Amino acid sequence: VEHADDTIPGGLMPEPAATDAPAQSFALPVADPANAALTVLVVEEQDFSRKVLVRQLRALGALDVLQASDGEQALELLRRPDNAVGLILCDLDMPRMDGLEFMRHLGAIRSAASLVITGAVDVALLNSVQMMCRAYGIRPLGVLEKPVNSECLRTMMARARKPMPGPALVDAAGGPEFSLDEILGGLQQEQFEPFFQPKVELAGGRIVGAEALARWRHPQHGLISPRAFIEPLERSGHIDTLTFKMLEQAAHACHRWNRSGHDLSVSVNLSLVSLADTRLATRVAAVVRAVGLAPRRLTLEVTETAAMTDVGPALENLARLRLRG
């Protein structure tokens, strides 16, 4: 994979047909000097479309433009030690590794690049892609339909040059460690929030709901992965504090979706530790009732981060939750 060659196969754009009307200007867009410092990666299967896009980027002032024909080639570039890519233009429908799989790997390598999807994308798919990006810690800027409009491309480049509103997700492995007091302080100061990962019906591609994933928006360290705080909360018996904060926020969000006409449900993670408390079902039902959410819209997903020591109360809670809808 090499730097982009801006030669377009078959020549430049076709000349306009002869006409008696006054000649119109087809000049390339004016370059923005600020784009010179922006490294752009174009991930596009079609050779012609890729080279046209490269030419547009260069005309807008980008000096360092890389290209790849699929996600695998793009990841090779992004894994280089000298990688400085700040903007990725990516098609979703590509061979070997499509755009969706590429986004998953992009999140895994914690790329700081902003992402723009190129091509026609329907609203449902766009919503899924945007939520995927946020779940993976990627900064989505939007969609550019083909053929790409140069002024819209200029806008995306300007957005990519702006600092991200928050740091990328910090994983516990190799990241900062936090004391229980720090974690509880973050909960008290409302620093924890749900990130919604879409649930998609495979048959029709329709979004049917979302899973609420807990994230800690730390004032100094940015977004903190659950690996840094779930286990300490479970060990200390404080996991319900987090669970019910996520439950309340997720229930409110789902209620808003339903009121807006979206037929969606929401799921919230529930620790095995919480199932030992026989009051759990009553507390969950109280939250759902207070929010006004139909109980059938809520799913509790039992996680396995802790060992179950008392099966009886857990089964009682599960049965009681089922009775409550």
C-alpha atoms as a PDB file:
ATOM      1  CA  VAL A   1       0.000   0.000   0.000  1.00  0.00           C
ATOM      2  CA  GLU A   2       1.517   3.275  -1.110  1.00  0.00           C
ATOM      3  CA  HIS A   3       0.757   6.956  -0.992  1.00  0.00           C
ATOM      4  CA  ALA A   4      -1.998   8.031  -3.304  1.00  0.00           C
ATOM      5  CA  ASP A   5      -1.420   8.599  -6.974  1.00  0.00           C
ATOM      6  CA  ASP A   6      -3.927  11.222  -8.103  1.00  0.00           C
ATOM      7  CA  THR A   7      -3.958  10.067 -11.742  1.00  0.00           C
ATOM      8  CA  ILE A   8      -7.535   9.235 -12.675  1.00  0.00           C
ATOM      9  CA  PRO A   9      -7.946   6.270 -15.076  1.00  0.00           C
ATOM     10  CA  GLY A  10      -9.319   7.272 -18.435  1.00  0.00           C
ATOM     11  CA  GLY A  11      -8.528  10.960 -18.067  1.00  0.00           C
ATOM     12  CA  LEU A  12     -10.252  13.723 -16.131  1.00  0.00           C
ATOM     13  CA  MET A  13     -13.944  14.451 -15.851  1.00  0.00           C
ATOM     14  CA  PRO A  14     -15.840  14.463 -19.185  1.00  0.00           C
ATOM     15  CA  GLU A  15     -16.136  17.844 -20.849  1.00  0.00           C
ATOM     16  CA  PRO A  16     -19.594  19.427 -20.945  1.00  0.00           C
ATOM     17  CA  ALA A  17     -21.584  19.047 -24.135  1.00  0.00           C
ATOM     18  CA  ALA A  18     -21.481  21.880 -26.656  1.00  0.00           C
ATOM     19  CA  THR A  19     -24.120  24.537 -26.062  1.00  0.00           C
ATOM     20  CA  ASP A  20     -24.964  28.081 -27.069  1.00  0.00           C
ATOM     21  CA  ALA A  21     -25.260  29.086 -23.391  1.00  0.00           C
ATOM     22  CA  PRO A  22     -22.385  31.033 -21.797  1.00  0.00           C
ATOM     23  CA  ALA A  23     -19.524  28.817 -20.674  1.00  0.00           C
ATOM     24  CA  GLN A  24     -19.575  27.841 -16.986  1.00  0.00           C
ATOM     25  CA  SER A  25     -16.541  27.520 -14.739  1.00  0.00           C
ATOM     26  CA  PHE A  26     -15.528  23.986 -13.737  1.00  0.00           C
ATOM     27  CA  ALA A  27     -12.469  25.068 -11.750  1.00  0.00           C
ATOM     28  CA  LEU A  28     -11.241  22.873  -8.926  1.00  0.00           C
ATOM     29  CA  PRO A  29     -12.042  24.101  -5.405  1.00  0.00           C
ATOM     30  CA  VAL A  30      -9.680  26.537  -3.741  1.00  0.00           C
ATOM     31  CA  ALA A  31      -7.201  24.850  -1.432  1.00  0.00           C
ATOM     32  CA  ASP A  32      -7.336  25.554   2.293  1.00  0.00           C
ATOM     33  CA  PRO A  33      -3.791  25.935   3.704  1.00  0.00           C
ATOM     34  CA  ALA A  34      -4.981  24.528   7.041  1.00  0.00           C
ATOM     35  CA  ASN A  35      -5.572  21.151   5.367  1.00  0.00           C
ATOM     36  CA  ALA A  36      -1.861  20.762   4.614  1.00  0.00           C
ATOM     37  CA  ALA A  37      -1.257  19.331   8.083  1.00  0.00           C
ATOM     38  CA  LEU A  38      -4.138  16.820   7.834  1.00  0.00           C
ATOM     39  CA  THR A  39      -3.228  13.255   6.840  1.00  0.00           C
ATOM     40  CA  VAL A  40      -6.172  11.543   5.132  1.00  0.00           C
ATOM     41  CA  LEU A  41      -6.760   7.836   4.452  1.00  0.00           C
ATOM     42  CA  VAL A  42      -9.186   6.878   1.668  1.00  0.00           C
ATOM     43  CA  VAL A  43     -10.596   3.341   2.014  1.00  0.00           C
ATOM     44  CA  GLU A  44     -12.502   2.542  -1.181  1.00  0.00           C
ATOM     45  CA  GLU A  45     -12.796  -0.622  -3.284  1.00  0.00           C
ATOM     46  CA  GLN A  46     -13.438   1.052  -6.649  1.00  0.00           C
ATOM     47  CA  ASP A  47     -10.180   2.302  -8.149  1.00  0.00           C
ATOM     48  CA  PHE A  48     -11.793   5.130 -10.113  1.00  0.00           C
ATOM     49  CA  SER A  49     -13.843   6.423  -7.164  1.00  0.00           C
ATOM     50  CA  ARG A  50     -10.798   6.247  -4.917  1.00  0.00           C
ATOM     51  CA  LYS A  51      -8.603   8.254  -7.288  1.00  0.00           C
ATOM     52  CA  VAL A  52     -11.308  10.882  -7.850  1.00  0.00           C
ATOM     53  CA  LEU A  53     -11.606  11.323  -4.096  1.00  0.00           C
ATOM     54  CA  VAL A  54      -7.823  11.581  -3.756  1.00  0.00           C
ATOM     55  CA  ARG A  55      -7.768  14.289  -6.417  1.00  0.00           C
ATOM     56  CA  GLN A  56     -10.471  16.244  -4.574  1.00  0.00           C
ATOM     57  CA  LEU A  57      -8.562  16.001  -1.298  1.00  0.00           C
ATOM     58  CA  ARG A  58      -5.369  17.270  -2.905  1.00  0.00           C
ATOM     59  CA  ALA A  59      -7.268  20.129  -4.532  1.00  0.00           C
ATOM     60  CA  LEU A  60      -8.578  21.094  -1.091  1.00  0.00           C
ATOM     61  CA  GLY A  61      -5.034  21.332   0.253  1.00  0.00           C
ATOM     62  CA  ALA A  62      -4.305  17.886   1.720  1.00  0.00           C
ATOM     63  CA  LEU A  63      -0.649  17.040   1.092  1.00  0.00           C
ATOM     64  CA  ASP A  64      -0.500  13.584   2.672  1.00  0.00           C
ATOM     65  CA  VAL A  65      -3.229  11.322   1.257  1.00  0.00           C
ATOM     66  CA  LEU A  66      -3.080   7.540   1.665  1.00  0.00           C
ATOM     67  CA  GLN A  67      -5.313   4.986   0.002  1.00  0.00           C
ATOM     68  CA  ALA A  68      -6.449   1.408   0.573  1.00  0.00           C
ATOM     69  CA  SER A  69      -8.859  -0.832  -1.324  1.00  0.00           C
ATOM     70  CA  ASP A  70     -10.304  -2.539   1.770  1.00  0.00           C
ATOM     71  CA  GLY A  71     -10.174  -2.627   5.551  1.00  0.00           C
ATOM     72  CA  GLU A  72      -7.183  -4.975   5.768  1.00  0.00           C
ATOM     73  CA  GLN A  73      -4.970  -2.659   3.715  1.00  0.00           C
ATOM     74  CA  ALA A  74      -6.181   0.310   5.740  1.00  0.00           C
ATOM     75  CA  LEU A  75      -5.260  -1.367   9.033  1.00  0.00           C
ATOM     76  CA  GLU A  76      -1.762  -2.104   7.707  1.00  0.00           C
ATOM     77  CA  LEU A  77      -1.285   1.621   7.203  1.00  0.00           C
ATOM     78  CA  LEU A  78      -2.789   2.559  10.549  1.00  0.00           C
ATOM     79  CA  ARG A  79      -0.546   0.123  12.428  1.00  0.00           C
ATOM     80  CA  ARG A  80       2.630   1.734  11.110  1.00  0.00           C
ATOM     81  CA  PRO A  81       4.744   3.465  13.772  1.00  0.00           C
ATOM     82  CA  ASP A  82       4.724   6.698  11.760  1.00  0.00           C
ATOM     83  CA  ASN A  83       0.926   6.695  11.360  1.00  0.00           C
ATOM     84  CA  ALA A  84      -0.460  10.246  11.614  1.00  0.00           C
ATOM     85  CA  VAL A  85      -3.875   9.754   9.969  1.00  0.00           C
ATOM     86  CA  GLY A  86      -6.379  12.313  11.220  1.00  0.00           C
ATOM     87  CA  LEU A  87      -9.280  11.592   8.853  1.00  0.00           C
ATOM     88  CA  ILE A  88     -10.533   8.333   7.328  1.00  0.00           C
ATOM     89  CA  LEU A  89     -12.978   8.261   4.411  1.00  0.00           C
ATOM     90  CA  CYS A  90     -14.422   4.753   4.306  1.00  0.00           C
ATOM     91  CA  ASP A  91     -16.918   2.890   2.144  1.00  0.00           C
ATOM     92  CA  LEU A  92     -18.981   0.230   3.932  1.00  0.00           C
ATOM     93  CA  ASP A  93     -19.278  -2.311   1.111  1.00  0.00           C
ATOM     94  CA  MET A  94     -15.773  -3.659   0.449  1.00  0.00           C
ATOM     95  CA  PRO A  95     -14.200  -7.100  -0.189  1.00  0.00           C
ATOM     96  CA  ARG A  96     -12.241  -9.158   2.354  1.00  0.00           C
ATOM     97  CA  MET A  97     -12.916  -6.767   5.253  1.00  0.00           C
ATOM     98  CA  ASP A  98     -15.948  -4.492   4.945  1.00  0.00           C
ATOM     99  CA  GLY A  99     -16.383  -1.122   6.591  1.00  0.00           C
ATOM    100  CA  LEU A 100     -18.240  -2.465   9.626  1.00  0.00           C
ATOM    101  CA  GLU A 101     -15.522  -4.982  10.509  1.00  0.00           C
ATOM    102  CA  PHE A 102     -12.920  -2.305   9.833  1.00  0.00           C
ATOM    103  CA  MET A 103     -14.578  -0.047  12.419  1.00  0.00           C
ATOM    104  CA  ARG A 104     -14.345  -2.776  15.043  1.00  0.00           C
ATOM    105  CA  HIS A 105     -10.612  -3.171  14.418  1.00  0.00           C
ATOM    106  CA  LEU A 106     -10.207   0.606  14.283  1.00  0.00           C
ATOM    107  CA  GLY A 107     -11.603   0.833  17.789  1.00  0.00           C
ATOM    108  CA  ALA A 108      -9.319  -1.975  18.962  1.00  0.00           C
ATOM    109  CA  ILE A 109      -6.172  -0.118  17.890  1.00  0.00           C
ATOM    110  CA  ARG A 110      -7.515   3.092  19.493  1.00  0.00           C
ATOM    111  CA  SER A 111      -7.035   5.226  16.425  1.00  0.00           C
ATOM    112  CA  ALA A 112      -7.418   8.952  17.019  1.00  0.00           C
ATOM    113  CA  ALA A 113      -8.640   9.516  13.444  1.00  0.00           C
ATOM    114  CA  SER A 114     -12.111  10.858  12.674  1.00  0.00           C
ATOM    115  CA  LEU A 115     -14.310   8.742  10.391  1.00  0.00           C
ATOM    116  CA  VAL A 116     -16.508   9.715   7.437  1.00  0.00           C
ATOM    117  CA  ILE A 117     -18.649   7.119   5.657  1.00  0.00           C
ATOM    118  CA  THR A 118     -18.792   7.451   1.862  1.00  0.00           C
ATOM    119  CA  GLY A 119     -21.713   6.181  -0.194  1.00  0.00           C
ATOM    120  CA  ALA A 120     -25.484   5.985   0.117  1.00  0.00           C
ATOM    121  CA  VAL A 121     -26.548   4.948   3.633  1.00  0.00           C
ATOM    122  CA  ASP A 122     -30.163   4.700   4.813  1.00  0.00           C
ATOM    123  CA  VAL A 123     -31.197   6.250   8.096  1.00  0.00           C
ATOM    124  CA  ALA A 124     -31.453   2.979  10.040  1.00  0.00           C
ATOM    125  CA  LEU A 125     -27.992   1.843   8.962  1.00  0.00           C
ATOM    126  CA  LEU A 126     -26.533   5.284   9.635  1.00  0.00           C
ATOM    127  CA  ASN A 127     -27.885   5.241  13.186  1.00  0.00           C
ATOM    128  CA  SER A 128     -26.366   1.799  13.721  1.00  0.00           C
ATOM    129  CA  VAL A 129     -23.006   2.929  12.369  1.00  0.00           C
ATOM    130  CA  GLN A 130     -22.949   6.042  14.533  1.00  0.00           C
ATOM    131  CA  MET A 131     -23.740   4.079  17.690  1.00  0.00           C
ATOM    132  CA  MET A 132     -21.134   1.463  16.728  1.00  0.00           C
ATOM    133  CA  CYS A 133     -18.520   4.180  16.351  1.00  0.00           C
ATOM    134  CA  ARG A 134     -19.254   5.651  19.748  1.00  0.00           C
ATOM    135  CA  ALA A 135     -19.239   2.206  21.365  1.00  0.00           C
ATOM    136  CA  TYR A 136     -15.812   1.546  19.846  1.00  0.00           C
ATOM    137  CA  GLY A 137     -14.463   4.962  20.838  1.00  0.00           C
ATOM    138  CA  ILE A 138     -14.367   6.262  17.236  1.00  0.00           C
ATOM    139  CA  ARG A 139     -15.277   9.836  16.304  1.00  0.00           C
ATOM    140  CA  PRO A 140     -17.900   9.730  13.482  1.00  0.00           C
ATOM    141  CA  LEU A 141     -18.219  12.936  11.445  1.00  0.00           C
ATOM    142  CA  GLY A 142     -21.004  11.981   9.043  1.00  0.00           C
ATOM    143  CA  VAL A 143     -21.753  10.630   5.567  1.00  0.00           C
ATOM    144  CA  LEU A 144     -20.685  11.836   2.115  1.00  0.00           C
ATOM    145  CA  GLU A 145     -22.800  10.486  -0.732  1.00  0.00           C
ATOM    146  CA  LYS A 146     -21.110   9.613  -4.023  1.00  0.00           C
ATOM    147  CA  PRO A 147     -20.154  11.439  -6.133  1.00  0.00           C
ATOM    148  CA  VAL A 148     -18.664  13.406  -3.256  1.00  0.00           C
ATOM    149  CA  ASN A 149     -19.332  17.142  -3.277  1.00  0.00           C
ATOM    150  CA  SER A 150     -16.075  19.076  -2.781  1.00  0.00           C
ATOM    151  CA  GLU A 151     -17.610  21.674  -0.482  1.00  0.00           C
ATOM    152  CA  CYS A 152     -19.114  18.974   1.735  1.00  0.00           C
ATOM    153  CA  LEU A 153     -15.708  17.312   1.779  1.00  0.00           C
ATOM    154  CA  ARG A 154     -14.134  20.620   2.792  1.00  0.00           C
ATOM    155  CA  THR A 155     -16.563  20.805   5.731  1.00  0.00           C
ATOM    156  CA  MET A 156     -15.628  17.299   6.891  1.00  0.00           C
ATOM    157  CA  MET A 157     -11.925  18.147   6.688  1.00  0.00           C
ATOM    158  CA  ALA A 158     -12.490  21.244   8.816  1.00  0.00           C
ATOM    159  CA  ARG A 159     -14.344  19.160  11.416  1.00  0.00           C
ATOM    160  CA  ALA A 160     -11.543  16.599  11.484  1.00  0.00           C
ATOM    161  CA  ARG A 161      -8.993  19.325  12.257  1.00  0.00           C
ATOM    162  CA  LYS A 162     -10.874  20.347  15.396  1.00  0.00           C
ATOM    163  CA  PRO A 163      -9.889  18.633  18.666  1.00  0.00           C
ATOM    164  CA  MET A 164     -12.054  15.718  19.736  1.00  0.00           C
ATOM    165  CA  PRO A 165     -14.634  16.652  22.396  1.00  0.00           C
ATOM    166  CA  GLY A 166     -13.233  13.959  24.681  1.00  0.00           C
ATOM    167  CA  PRO A 167     -10.333  11.503  24.848  1.00  0.00           C
ATOM    168  CA  ALA A 168     -10.598   7.982  23.494  1.00  0.00           C
ATOM    169  CA  LEU A 169     -11.781   5.173  25.736  1.00  0.00           C
ATOM    170  CA  VAL A 170      -9.198   4.190  28.343  1.00  0.00           C
ATOM    171  CA  ASP A 171      -8.999   0.451  28.988  1.00  0.00           C
ATOM    172  CA  ALA A 172      -7.994  -0.918  32.357  1.00  0.00           C
ATOM    173  CA  ALA A 173      -5.176  -2.950  30.811  1.00  0.00           C
ATOM    174  CA  GLY A 174      -2.220  -0.590  30.811  1.00  0.00           C
ATOM    175  CA  GLY A 175      -4.450   2.334  31.813  1.00  0.00           C
ATOM    176  CA  PRO A 176      -4.787   4.193  35.105  1.00  0.00           C
ATOM    177  CA  GLU A 177      -5.968   2.344  38.207  1.00  0.00           C
ATOM    178  CA  PHE A 178      -8.582   3.817  40.520  1.00  0.00           C
ATOM    179  CA  SER A 179      -9.306   3.336  44.205  1.00  0.00           C
ATOM    180  CA  LEU A 180     -12.789   2.437  45.389  1.00  0.00           C
ATOM    181  CA  ASP A 181     -13.149   5.935  46.867  1.00  0.00           C
ATOM    182  CA  GLU A 182     -12.365   7.482  43.457  1.00  0.00           C
ATOM    183  CA  ILE A 183     -14.947   5.274  41.753  1.00  0.00           C
ATOM    184  CA  LEU A 184     -17.625   6.014  44.345  1.00  0.00           C
ATOM    185  CA  GLY A 185     -16.781   9.708  44.091  1.00  0.00           C
ATOM    186  CA  GLY A 186     -17.346   9.543  40.343  1.00  0.00           C
ATOM    187  CA  LEU A 187     -20.728   7.907  40.896  1.00  0.00           C
ATOM    188  CA  GLN A 188     -21.706  10.559  43.418  1.00  0.00           C
ATOM    189  CA  GLN A 189     -20.703  13.321  40.989  1.00  0.00           C
ATOM    190  CA  GLU A 190     -22.774  11.782  38.153  1.00  0.00           C
ATOM    191  CA  GLN A 191     -19.714  11.059  35.993  1.00  0.00           C
ATOM    192  CA  PHE A 192     -21.065   7.676  34.819  1.00  0.00           C
ATOM    193  CA  GLU A 193     -23.310   7.474  31.770  1.00  0.00           C
ATOM    194  CA  PRO A 194     -24.711   4.835  29.397  1.00  0.00           C
ATOM    195  CA  PHE A 195     -23.404   4.424  25.868  1.00  0.00           C
ATOM    196  CA  PHE A 196     -26.000   2.714  23.683  1.00  0.00           C
ATOM    197  CA  GLN A 197     -24.953  -0.155  21.440  1.00  0.00           C
ATOM    198  CA  PRO A 198     -27.624  -0.959  18.834  1.00  0.00           C
ATOM    199  CA  LYS A 199     -29.350  -4.315  18.532  1.00  0.00           C
ATOM    200  CA  VAL A 200     -30.114  -5.056  14.901  1.00  0.00           C
ATOM    201  CA  GLU A 201     -32.576  -7.566  13.463  1.00  0.00           C
ATOM    202  CA  LEU A 202     -30.430  -9.582  11.058  1.00  0.00           C
ATOM    203  CA  ALA A 203     -33.260 -10.476   8.677  1.00  0.00           C
ATOM    204  CA  GLY A 204     -34.179  -6.903   7.777  1.00  0.00           C
ATOM    205  CA  GLY A 205     -31.395  -4.792   9.235  1.00  0.00           C
ATOM    206  CA  ARG A 206     -33.886  -2.979  11.464  1.00  0.00           C
ATOM    207  CA  ILE A 207     -32.744  -1.569  14.804  1.00  0.00           C
ATOM    208  CA  VAL A 208     -34.931  -3.160  17.483  1.00  0.00           C
ATOM    209  CA  GLY A 209     -33.247  -1.818  20.593  1.00  0.00           C
ATOM    210  CA  ALA A 210     -30.011  -0.952  22.313  1.00  0.00           C
ATOM    211  CA  GLU A 211     -27.808  -2.177  25.131  1.00  0.00           C
ATOM    212  CA  ALA A 212     -26.747   0.368  27.740  1.00  0.00           C
ATOM    213  CA  LEU A 213     -22.988   0.096  28.339  1.00  0.00           C
ATOM    214  CA  ALA A 214     -21.621   1.878  31.395  1.00  0.00           C
ATOM    215  CA  ARG A 215     -18.808   4.368  30.802  1.00  0.00           C
ATOM    216  CA  TRP A 216     -17.042   6.635  33.270  1.00  0.00           C
ATOM    217  CA  ARG A 217     -16.376  10.111  31.868  1.00  0.00           C
ATOM    218  CA  HIS A 218     -13.417  10.940  34.074  1.00  0.00           C
ATOM    219  CA  PRO A 219     -12.538  14.673  34.209  1.00  0.00           C
ATOM    220  CA  GLN A 220      -8.814  13.967  33.723  1.00  0.00           C
ATOM    221  CA  HIS A 221      -8.602  10.576  31.986  1.00  0.00           C
ATOM    222  CA  GLY A 222     -11.554  10.731  29.593  1.00  0.00           C
ATOM    223  CA  LEU A 223     -13.796   7.714  28.996  1.00  0.00           C
ATOM    224  CA  ILE A 224     -12.922   4.804  31.278  1.00  0.00           C
ATOM    225  CA  SER A 225     -13.683   1.175  30.379  1.00  0.00           C
ATOM    226  CA  PRO A 226     -15.865  -0.938  32.722  1.00  0.00           C
ATOM    227  CA  ARG A 227     -12.860  -3.161  33.384  1.00  0.00           C
ATOM    228  CA  ALA A 228     -11.513  -0.432  35.635  1.00  0.00           C
ATOM    229  CA  PHE A 229     -14.549  -0.174  37.915  1.00  0.00           C
ATOM    230  CA  ILE A 230     -16.903  -3.191  37.711  1.00  0.00           C
ATOM    231  CA  GLU A 231     -14.795  -5.629  39.731  1.00  0.00           C
ATOM    232  CA  PRO A 232     -14.012  -3.176  42.585  1.00  0.00           C
ATOM    233  CA  LEU A 233     -17.708  -2.305  42.849  1.00  0.00           C
ATOM    234  CA  GLU A 234     -18.714  -5.974  42.940  1.00  0.00           C
ATOM    235  CA  ARG A 235     -16.084  -6.873  45.548  1.00  0.00           C
ATOM    236  CA  SER A 236     -17.128  -4.015  47.817  1.00  0.00           C
ATOM    237  CA  GLY A 237     -20.880  -4.553  47.474  1.00  0.00           C
ATOM    238  CA  HIS A 238     -21.490  -1.214  45.698  1.00  0.00           C
ATOM    239  CA  ILE A 239     -22.343  -2.564  42.241  1.00  0.00           C
ATOM    240  CA  ASP A 240     -26.057  -1.755  42.690  1.00  0.00           C
ATOM    241  CA  THR A 241     -25.214   1.944  42.885  1.00  0.00           C
ATOM    242  CA  LEU A 242     -23.910   1.787  39.316  1.00  0.00           C
ATOM    243  CA  THR A 243     -26.619  -0.610  38.138  1.00  0.00           C
ATOM    244  CA  PHE A 244     -29.487   1.622  39.189  1.00  0.00           C
ATOM    245  CA  LYS A 245     -27.862   4.761  37.806  1.00  0.00           C
ATOM    246  CA  MET A 246     -27.565   3.013  34.423  1.00  0.00           C
ATOM    247  CA  LEU A 247     -31.071   1.579  34.740  1.00  0.00           C
ATOM    248  CA  GLU A 248     -32.671   4.956  35.403  1.00  0.00           C
ATOM    249  CA  GLN A 249     -30.827   6.711  32.562  1.00  0.00           C
ATOM    250  CA  ALA A 250     -31.491   3.863  30.118  1.00  0.00           C
ATOM    251  CA  ALA A 251     -35.188   3.725  31.032  1.00  0.00           C
ATOM    252  CA  HIS A 252     -35.554   7.478  30.475  1.00  0.00           C
ATOM    253  CA  ALA A 253     -33.784   7.202  27.099  1.00  0.00           C
ATOM    254  CA  CYS A 254     -35.982   4.313  25.949  1.00  0.00           C
ATOM    255  CA  HIS A 255     -39.108   6.154  27.082  1.00  0.00           C
ATOM    256  CA  ARG A 256     -38.047   9.143  24.929  1.00  0.00           C
ATOM    257  CA  TRP A 257     -37.450   6.864  21.937  1.00  0.00           C
ATOM    258  CA  ASN A 258     -40.905   5.312  22.307  1.00  0.00           C
ATOM    259  CA  ARG A 259     -42.607   8.705  22.680  1.00  0.00           C
ATOM    260  CA  SER A 260     -40.867   9.806  19.467  1.00  0.00           C
ATOM    261  CA  GLY A 261     -42.475   6.907  17.610  1.00  0.00           C
ATOM    262  CA  HIS A 262     -39.555   4.457  17.649  1.00  0.00           C
ATOM    263  CA  ASP A 263     -40.476   0.861  18.489  1.00  0.00           C
ATOM    264  CA  LEU A 264     -37.363   0.121  20.565  1.00  0.00           C
ATOM    265  CA  SER A 265     -36.390  -1.655  23.769  1.00  0.00           C
ATOM    266  CA  VAL A 266     -33.347  -1.292  26.001  1.00  0.00           C
ATOM    267  CA  SER A 267     -31.197  -3.759  27.921  1.00  0.00           C
ATOM    268  CA  VAL A 268     -29.139  -3.099  31.036  1.00  0.00           C
ATOM    269  CA  ASN A 269     -26.377  -5.288  32.437  1.00  0.00           C
ATOM    270  CA  LEU A 270     -27.082  -6.860  35.808  1.00  0.00           C
ATOM    271  CA  SER A 271     -24.376  -8.396  37.990  1.00  0.00           C
ATOM    272  CA  LEU A 272     -24.889 -11.822  39.534  1.00  0.00           C
ATOM    273  CA  VAL A 273     -24.032 -10.143  42.823  1.00  0.00           C
ATOM    274  CA  SER A 274     -27.195  -8.031  42.569  1.00  0.00           C
ATOM    275  CA  LEU A 275     -29.393 -11.117  42.191  1.00  0.00           C
ATOM    276  CA  ALA A 276     -28.602 -12.162  45.754  1.00  0.00           C
ATOM    277  CA  ASP A 277     -30.743  -9.279  47.059  1.00  0.00           C
ATOM    278  CA  THR A 278     -34.393 -10.355  47.140  1.00  0.00           C
ATOM    279  CA  ARG A 279     -35.478  -6.691  47.003  1.00  0.00           C
ATOM    280  CA  LEU A 280     -34.011  -6.305  43.513  1.00  0.00           C
ATOM    281  CA  ALA A 281     -37.199  -6.993  41.536  1.00  0.00           C
ATOM    282  CA  THR A 282     -39.187  -4.486  43.582  1.00  0.00           C
ATOM    283  CA  ARG A 283     -36.524  -1.806  43.114  1.00  0.00           C
ATOM    284  CA  VAL A 284     -36.313  -2.391  39.354  1.00  0.00           C
ATOM    285  CA  ALA A 285     -40.098  -2.280  38.984  1.00  0.00           C
ATOM    286  CA  ALA A 286     -40.215   0.983  40.938  1.00  0.00           C
ATOM    287  CA  VAL A 287     -37.732   2.647  38.565  1.00  0.00           C
ATOM    288  CA  VAL A 288     -39.593   1.463  35.466  1.00  0.00           C
ATOM    289  CA  ARG A 289     -42.931   2.609  36.896  1.00  0.00           C
ATOM    290  CA  ALA A 290     -41.561   6.035  37.889  1.00  0.00           C
ATOM    291  CA  VAL A 291     -40.178   6.627  34.401  1.00  0.00           C
ATOM    292  CA  GLY A 292     -43.365   5.447  32.700  1.00  0.00           C
ATOM    293  CA  LEU A 293     -41.635   2.794  30.610  1.00  0.00           C
ATOM    294  CA  ALA A 294     -43.552  -0.352  29.699  1.00  0.00           C
ATOM    295  CA  PRO A 295     -41.833  -3.257  31.538  1.00  0.00           C
ATOM    296  CA  ARG A 296     -41.663  -5.322  28.336  1.00  0.00           C
ATOM    297  CA  ARG A 297     -39.326  -2.674  26.900  1.00  0.00           C
ATOM    298  CA  LEU A 298     -36.637  -3.516  29.458  1.00  0.00           C
ATOM    299  CA  THR A 299     -34.285  -6.500  29.342  1.00  0.00           C
ATOM    300  CA  LEU A 300     -31.840  -7.275  32.136  1.00  0.00           C
ATOM    301  CA  GLU A 301     -28.730  -9.085  30.890  1.00  0.00           C
ATOM    302  CA  VAL A 302     -27.001 -11.031  33.650  1.00  0.00           C
ATOM    303  CA  THR A 303     -23.220 -10.703  33.460  1.00  0.00           C
ATOM    304  CA  GLU A 304     -20.798 -13.347  34.699  1.00  0.00           C
ATOM    305  CA  THR A 305     -18.007 -11.262  36.189  1.00  0.00           C
ATOM    306  CA  ALA A 306     -18.691 -12.605  39.678  1.00  0.00           C
ATOM    307  CA  ALA A 307     -19.426 -16.092  40.950  1.00  0.00           C
ATOM    308  CA  MET A 308     -22.927 -16.925  42.175  1.00  0.00           C
ATOM    309  CA  THR A 309     -22.843 -18.191  45.753  1.00  0.00           C
ATOM    310  CA  ASP A 310     -26.556 -18.286  46.584  1.00  0.00           C
ATOM    311  CA  VAL A 311     -28.754 -19.618  43.794  1.00  0.00           C
ATOM    312  CA  GLY A 312     -32.107 -19.483  45.610  1.00  0.00           C
ATOM    313  CA  PRO A 313     -32.495 -15.676  45.915  1.00  0.00           C
ATOM    314  CA  ALA A 314     -31.206 -15.251  42.364  1.00  0.00           C
ATOM    315  CA  LEU A 315     -33.869 -17.565  40.943  1.00  0.00           C
ATOM    316  CA  GLU A 316     -36.514 -15.835  43.064  1.00  0.00           C
ATOM    317  CA  ASN A 317     -35.505 -12.460  41.635  1.00  0.00           C
ATOM    318  CA  LEU A 318     -35.559 -13.743  38.060  1.00  0.00           C
ATOM    319  CA  ALA A 319     -39.007 -15.259  38.526  1.00  0.00           C
ATOM    320  CA  ARG A 320     -40.312 -12.094  40.184  1.00  0.00           C
ATOM    321  CA  LEU A 321     -38.937  -9.902  37.385  1.00  0.00           C
ATOM    322  CA  ARG A 322     -40.667 -12.130  34.839  1.00  0.00           C
ATOM    323  CA  LEU A 323     -43.943 -11.803  36.762  1.00  0.00           C
ATOM    324  CA  ARG A 324     -43.612  -8.015  36.612  1.00  0.00           C
ATOM    325  CA  GLY A 325     -43.309  -8.065  32.847  1.00  0.00           C
END
